[in-house]
Amino acid sequence: MCLAIPGQIVAIDSQNTHLATVDVVGVRRKVDLGLLQDELPVPGDWVLIHVGFAMSKISEADAADQMETLTMLGEAAAAIEEVRGYGLENEIPDYPPQRWKQ
């Protein structure tokens, strides 16, 4: 299944504005912003990520809804594995994050 994972932009690379550090479920990773050239996100914005590319900007509410949907579909673990598969060195915290628990 193709997963779109929400992440929040933490920082834009100062040497390449098409790269950003994004927080994905408490873990930071680099993503390519090249597909969002017409409306580049800024720190604090939320994006949907697929295979290392930010595909679209979304709201924080949409990000929470996306993670809830992944959880309901039983795909949250696969989303975490996708994030883990991109060479992230940090531990992924317990899922789902407190801010998304009802």
N, C-alpha and C. Protein backbone atom coordinates (compact mmCIF):
# COMPACT_ATOMS: atom_id res chain seq x y z
N MET A 1 0.84 -1.18 0.00
CA MET A 1 0.00 0.00 0.00
C MET A 1 0.89 1.24 0.00
N CYS A 2 0.51 2.26 -0.71
CA CYS A 2 1.23 3.53 -0.72
C CYS A 2 0.77 4.36 0.46
N LEU A 3 1.72 4.79 1.25
CA LEU A 3 1.40 5.56 2.44
C LEU A 3 1.79 7.02 2.28
N ALA A 4 0.92 7.89 2.68
CA ALA A 4 1.23 9.31 2.77
C ALA A 4 1.26 9.63 4.25
N ILE A 5 2.40 10.06 4.73
CA ILE A 5 2.61 10.27 6.15
C ILE A 5 2.70 11.76 6.43
N PRO A 6 1.94 12.27 7.41
CA PRO A 6 2.04 13.68 7.73
C PRO A 6 3.29 13.99 8.53
N GLY A 7 3.87 15.15 8.25
CA GLY A 7 5.01 15.63 9.00
C GLY A 7 4.99 17.14 9.06
N GLN A 8 5.61 17.68 10.11
CA GLN A 8 5.64 19.13 10.28
C GLN A 8 7.04 19.64 9.94
N ILE A 9 7.09 20.69 9.12
CA ILE A 9 8.37 21.29 8.74
C ILE A 9 9.00 21.91 9.98
N VAL A 10 10.24 21.51 10.26
CA VAL A 10 10.98 22.05 11.40
C VAL A 10 11.96 23.11 10.94
N ALA A 11 12.63 22.86 9.81
CA ALA A 11 13.62 23.81 9.29
C ALA A 11 13.80 23.59 7.80
N ILE A 12 14.14 24.67 7.12
CA ILE A 12 14.49 24.62 5.70
C ILE A 12 16.01 24.65 5.62
N ASP A 13 16.57 23.80 4.77
CA ASP A 13 18.03 23.76 4.59
C ASP A 13 18.51 25.10 4.06
N SER A 14 19.47 25.71 4.72
CA SER A 14 19.94 27.04 4.33
C SER A 14 20.72 27.03 3.02
N GLN A 15 21.25 25.87 2.62
CA GLN A 15 22.01 25.79 1.37
C GLN A 15 21.19 25.25 0.21
N ASN A 16 20.05 24.64 0.51
CA ASN A 16 19.18 24.10 -0.53
C ASN A 16 17.74 24.24 -0.05
N THR A 17 17.05 25.26 -0.51
CA THR A 17 15.71 25.55 -0.02
C THR A 17 14.66 24.53 -0.46
N HIS A 18 15.08 23.55 -1.24
CA HIS A 18 14.15 22.47 -1.62
C HIS A 18 14.31 21.26 -0.72
N LEU A 19 15.09 21.38 0.34
CA LEU A 19 15.22 20.33 1.35
C LEU A 19 14.79 20.89 2.69
N ALA A 20 14.08 20.07 3.45
CA ALA A 20 13.63 20.50 4.76
C ALA A 20 13.79 19.37 5.76
N THR A 21 13.94 19.74 7.01
CA THR A 21 13.87 18.78 8.10
C THR A 21 12.42 18.78 8.55
N VAL A 22 11.86 17.58 8.63
CA VAL A 22 10.45 17.42 8.97
C VAL A 22 10.34 16.49 10.16
N ASP A 23 9.45 16.83 11.07
CA ASP A 23 9.16 15.98 12.22
C ASP A 23 8.02 15.05 11.85
N VAL A 24 8.31 13.75 11.88
CA VAL A 24 7.31 12.73 11.56
C VAL A 24 7.13 11.86 12.80
N VAL A 25 6.01 12.01 13.44
CA VAL A 25 5.69 11.24 14.64
C VAL A 25 6.84 11.32 15.66
N GLY A 26 7.38 12.51 15.83
CA GLY A 26 8.44 12.70 16.82
C GLY A 26 9.84 12.40 16.34
N VAL A 27 10.00 11.99 15.10
CA VAL A 27 11.31 11.68 14.53
C VAL A 27 11.57 12.65 13.39
N ARG A 28 12.79 13.15 13.32
CA ARG A 28 13.13 14.11 12.27
C ARG A 28 13.82 13.42 11.11
N ARG A 29 13.47 13.89 9.90
CA ARG A 29 14.07 13.36 8.69
C ARG A 29 14.10 14.45 7.65
N LYS A 30 14.94 14.27 6.64
CA LYS A 30 15.02 15.20 5.51
C LYS A 30 14.00 14.79 4.46
N VAL A 31 13.32 15.78 3.88
CA VAL A 31 12.41 15.53 2.77
C VAL A 31 12.67 16.55 1.68
N ASP A 32 12.32 16.17 0.48
CA ASP A 32 12.48 17.02 -0.69
C ASP A 32 11.19 17.81 -0.90
N LEU A 33 11.32 19.14 -1.03
CA LEU A 33 10.17 20.01 -1.23
C LEU A 33 9.96 20.38 -2.70
N GLY A 34 10.70 19.78 -3.59
CA GLY A 34 10.67 20.14 -5.00
C GLY A 34 9.31 20.08 -5.66
N LEU A 35 8.42 19.22 -5.18
CA LEU A 35 7.09 19.12 -5.77
C LEU A 35 6.16 20.24 -5.31
N LEU A 36 6.62 21.04 -4.35
CA LEU A 36 5.79 22.12 -3.83
C LEU A 36 6.38 23.48 -4.20
N GLN A 37 7.04 23.56 -5.34
CA GLN A 37 7.72 24.79 -5.76
C GLN A 37 6.79 25.99 -5.83
N ASP A 38 5.54 25.78 -6.21
CA ASP A 38 4.61 26.90 -6.35
C ASP A 38 4.17 27.47 -5.00
N GLU A 39 4.29 26.68 -3.96
CA GLU A 39 3.87 27.11 -2.62
C GLU A 39 4.76 26.44 -1.59
N LEU A 40 6.04 26.84 -1.56
CA LEU A 40 6.99 26.22 -0.64
C LEU A 40 6.54 26.38 0.81
N PRO A 41 6.55 25.29 1.56
CA PRO A 41 6.17 25.39 2.97
C PRO A 41 7.27 26.10 3.77
N VAL A 42 6.90 26.55 4.94
CA VAL A 42 7.81 27.22 5.86
C VAL A 42 7.76 26.45 7.17
N PRO A 43 8.75 26.67 8.05
CA PRO A 43 8.71 25.98 9.35
C PRO A 43 7.36 26.19 10.04
N GLY A 44 6.84 25.09 10.55
CA GLY A 44 5.53 25.09 11.20
C GLY A 44 4.44 24.53 10.32
N ASP A 45 4.62 24.56 8.99
CA ASP A 45 3.63 23.99 8.07
C ASP A 45 3.65 22.47 8.15
N TRP A 46 2.53 21.87 7.82
CA TRP A 46 2.38 20.41 7.75
C TRP A 46 2.33 19.99 6.29
N VAL A 47 2.95 18.84 6.00
CA VAL A 47 2.96 18.30 4.65
C VAL A 47 2.67 16.80 4.69
N LEU A 48 2.17 16.28 3.58
CA LEU A 48 2.04 14.83 3.42
C LEU A 48 3.28 14.35 2.67
N ILE A 49 3.91 13.31 3.19
CA ILE A 49 5.17 12.82 2.65
C ILE A 49 4.99 11.41 2.11
N HIS A 50 5.59 11.16 0.96
CA HIS A 50 5.62 9.82 0.38
C HIS A 50 7.01 9.61 -0.19
N VAL A 51 7.65 8.54 0.20
CA VAL A 51 9.00 8.15 -0.22
C VAL A 51 9.99 9.33 -0.24
N GLY A 52 9.94 10.14 0.81
CA GLY A 52 10.92 11.21 0.94
C GLY A 52 10.57 12.51 0.25
N PHE A 53 9.41 12.60 -0.36
CA PHE A 53 8.97 13.82 -1.06
C PHE A 53 7.73 14.38 -0.38
N ALA A 54 7.73 15.68 -0.12
CA ALA A 54 6.52 16.35 0.35
C ALA A 54 5.59 16.48 -0.85
N MET A 55 4.42 15.89 -0.75
CA MET A 55 3.47 15.85 -1.87
C MET A 55 2.49 17.02 -1.85
N SER A 56 2.09 17.46 -0.65
CA SER A 56 1.15 18.57 -0.54
C SER A 56 1.20 19.15 0.86
N LYS A 57 0.80 20.42 0.96
CA LYS A 57 0.65 21.05 2.26
C LYS A 57 -0.72 20.70 2.81
N ILE A 58 -0.80 20.50 4.13
CA ILE A 58 -2.06 20.19 4.78
C ILE A 58 -2.14 20.95 6.10
N SER A 59 -3.30 20.94 6.70
CA SER A 59 -3.48 21.58 8.00
C SER A 59 -3.08 20.59 9.11
N GLU A 60 -2.89 21.12 10.32
CA GLU A 60 -2.58 20.24 11.45
C GLU A 60 -3.74 19.28 11.70
N ALA A 61 -4.97 19.77 11.54
CA ALA A 61 -6.14 18.90 11.72
C ALA A 61 -6.14 17.78 10.69
N ASP A 62 -5.80 18.10 9.44
CA ASP A 62 -5.72 17.06 8.41
C ASP A 62 -4.61 16.06 8.71
N ALA A 63 -3.50 16.54 9.29
CA ALA A 63 -2.40 15.63 9.66
C ALA A 63 -2.88 14.64 10.72
N ALA A 64 -3.59 15.15 11.73
CA ALA A 64 -4.12 14.27 12.77
C ALA A 64 -5.12 13.28 12.18
N ASP A 65 -5.98 13.76 11.27
CA ASP A 65 -6.95 12.88 10.61
C ASP A 65 -6.26 11.80 9.81
N GLN A 66 -5.18 12.15 9.12
CA GLN A 66 -4.44 11.18 8.31
C GLN A 66 -3.85 10.08 9.19
N MET A 67 -3.27 10.48 10.33
CA MET A 67 -2.70 9.47 11.23
C MET A 67 -3.80 8.61 11.83
N GLU A 68 -4.94 9.21 12.15
CA GLU A 68 -6.07 8.44 12.67
C GLU A 68 -6.56 7.45 11.61
N THR A 69 -6.62 7.88 10.37
CA THR A 69 -7.04 6.99 9.28
C THR A 69 -6.06 5.83 9.14
N LEU A 70 -4.77 6.13 9.16
CA LEU A 70 -3.77 5.06 9.07
C LEU A 70 -3.93 4.07 10.22
N THR A 71 -4.23 4.59 11.41
CA THR A 71 -4.44 3.72 12.57
C THR A 71 -5.66 2.84 12.37
N MET A 72 -6.78 3.44 11.93
CA MET A 72 -8.01 2.67 11.73
C MET A 72 -7.84 1.60 10.66
N LEU A 73 -7.02 1.89 9.64
CA LEU A 73 -6.79 0.92 8.57
C LEU A 73 -5.75 -0.13 8.95
N GLY A 74 -5.17 0.02 10.12
CA GLY A 74 -4.13 -0.91 10.54
C GLY A 74 -2.81 -0.67 9.84
N GLU A 75 -2.62 0.53 9.30
CA GLU A 75 -1.42 0.85 8.53
C GLU A 75 -0.44 1.74 9.30
N ALA A 76 -0.75 2.08 10.55
CA ALA A 76 0.13 2.96 11.32
C ALA A 76 1.51 2.34 11.48
N ALA A 77 1.57 1.04 11.76
CA ALA A 77 2.86 0.38 11.92
C ALA A 77 3.65 0.42 10.62
N ALA A 78 2.98 0.25 9.48
CA ALA A 78 3.66 0.32 8.19
C ALA A 78 4.19 1.73 7.94
N ALA A 79 3.44 2.73 8.37
CA ALA A 79 3.89 4.12 8.23
C ALA A 79 5.15 4.34 9.05
N ILE A 80 5.16 3.82 10.27
CA ILE A 80 6.33 3.95 11.13
C ILE A 80 7.51 3.22 10.50
N GLU A 81 7.28 2.05 9.93
CA GLU A 81 8.37 1.32 9.28
C GLU A 81 8.90 2.07 8.06
N GLU A 82 8.01 2.76 7.34
CA GLU A 82 8.46 3.57 6.21
C GLU A 82 9.40 4.66 6.71
N VAL A 83 9.00 5.33 7.77
CA VAL A 83 9.85 6.38 8.35
C VAL A 83 11.18 5.77 8.80
N ARG A 84 11.12 4.66 9.47
CA ARG A 84 12.32 3.99 9.96
C ARG A 84 13.22 3.57 8.79
N GLY A 85 12.62 3.23 7.68
CA GLY A 85 13.37 2.75 6.52
C GLY A 85 14.21 3.79 5.82
N TYR A 86 14.04 5.06 6.16
CA TYR A 86 14.83 6.10 5.53
C TYR A 86 16.05 6.47 6.33
N GLY A 87 16.56 5.54 7.13
CA GLY A 87 17.81 5.75 7.83
C GLY A 87 17.73 6.69 9.01
N LEU A 88 16.58 6.76 9.63
CA LEU A 88 16.46 7.61 10.81
C LEU A 88 17.22 6.99 11.96
N GLU A 89 17.96 7.80 12.65
CA GLU A 89 18.78 7.29 13.73
C GLU A 89 18.08 7.34 15.09
N ASN A 90 17.08 8.21 15.23
CA ASN A 90 16.39 8.35 16.51
C ASN A 90 15.37 7.25 16.70
N GLU A 91 15.08 6.96 17.95
CA GLU A 91 14.01 6.03 18.26
C GLU A 91 12.67 6.69 17.98
N ILE A 92 11.75 5.94 17.46
CA ILE A 92 10.41 6.45 17.25
C ILE A 92 9.65 6.24 18.55
N PRO A 93 9.01 7.30 19.07
CA PRO A 93 8.31 7.17 20.34
C PRO A 93 7.09 6.28 20.22
N ASP A 94 6.48 5.98 21.36
CA ASP A 94 5.26 5.20 21.36
C ASP A 94 4.25 5.84 20.42
N TYR A 95 3.50 5.01 19.73
CA TYR A 95 2.54 5.49 18.77
C TYR A 95 1.14 5.17 19.27
N PRO A 96 0.16 6.01 19.09
CA PRO A 96 0.20 7.33 18.48
C PRO A 96 0.69 8.38 19.48
N PRO A 97 1.18 9.51 18.96
CA PRO A 97 1.63 10.57 19.86
C PRO A 97 0.48 11.05 20.75
N GLN A 98 0.82 11.53 21.93
CA GLN A 98 -0.19 12.02 22.88
C GLN A 98 -1.11 13.05 22.25
N ARG A 99 -0.57 13.93 21.40
CA ARG A 99 -1.41 15.00 20.84
C ARG A 99 -2.49 14.45 19.92
N TRP A 100 -2.37 13.19 19.47
CA TRP A 100 -3.37 12.63 18.58
C TRP A 100 -4.29 11.64 19.29
N LYS A 101 -4.08 11.43 20.57
CA LYS A 101 -4.96 10.53 21.32
C LYS A 101 -6.19 11.29 21.75
N GLN A 102 -7.32 10.64 21.69
CA GLN A 102 -8.59 11.29 22.09
C GLN A 102 -8.81 11.11 23.57
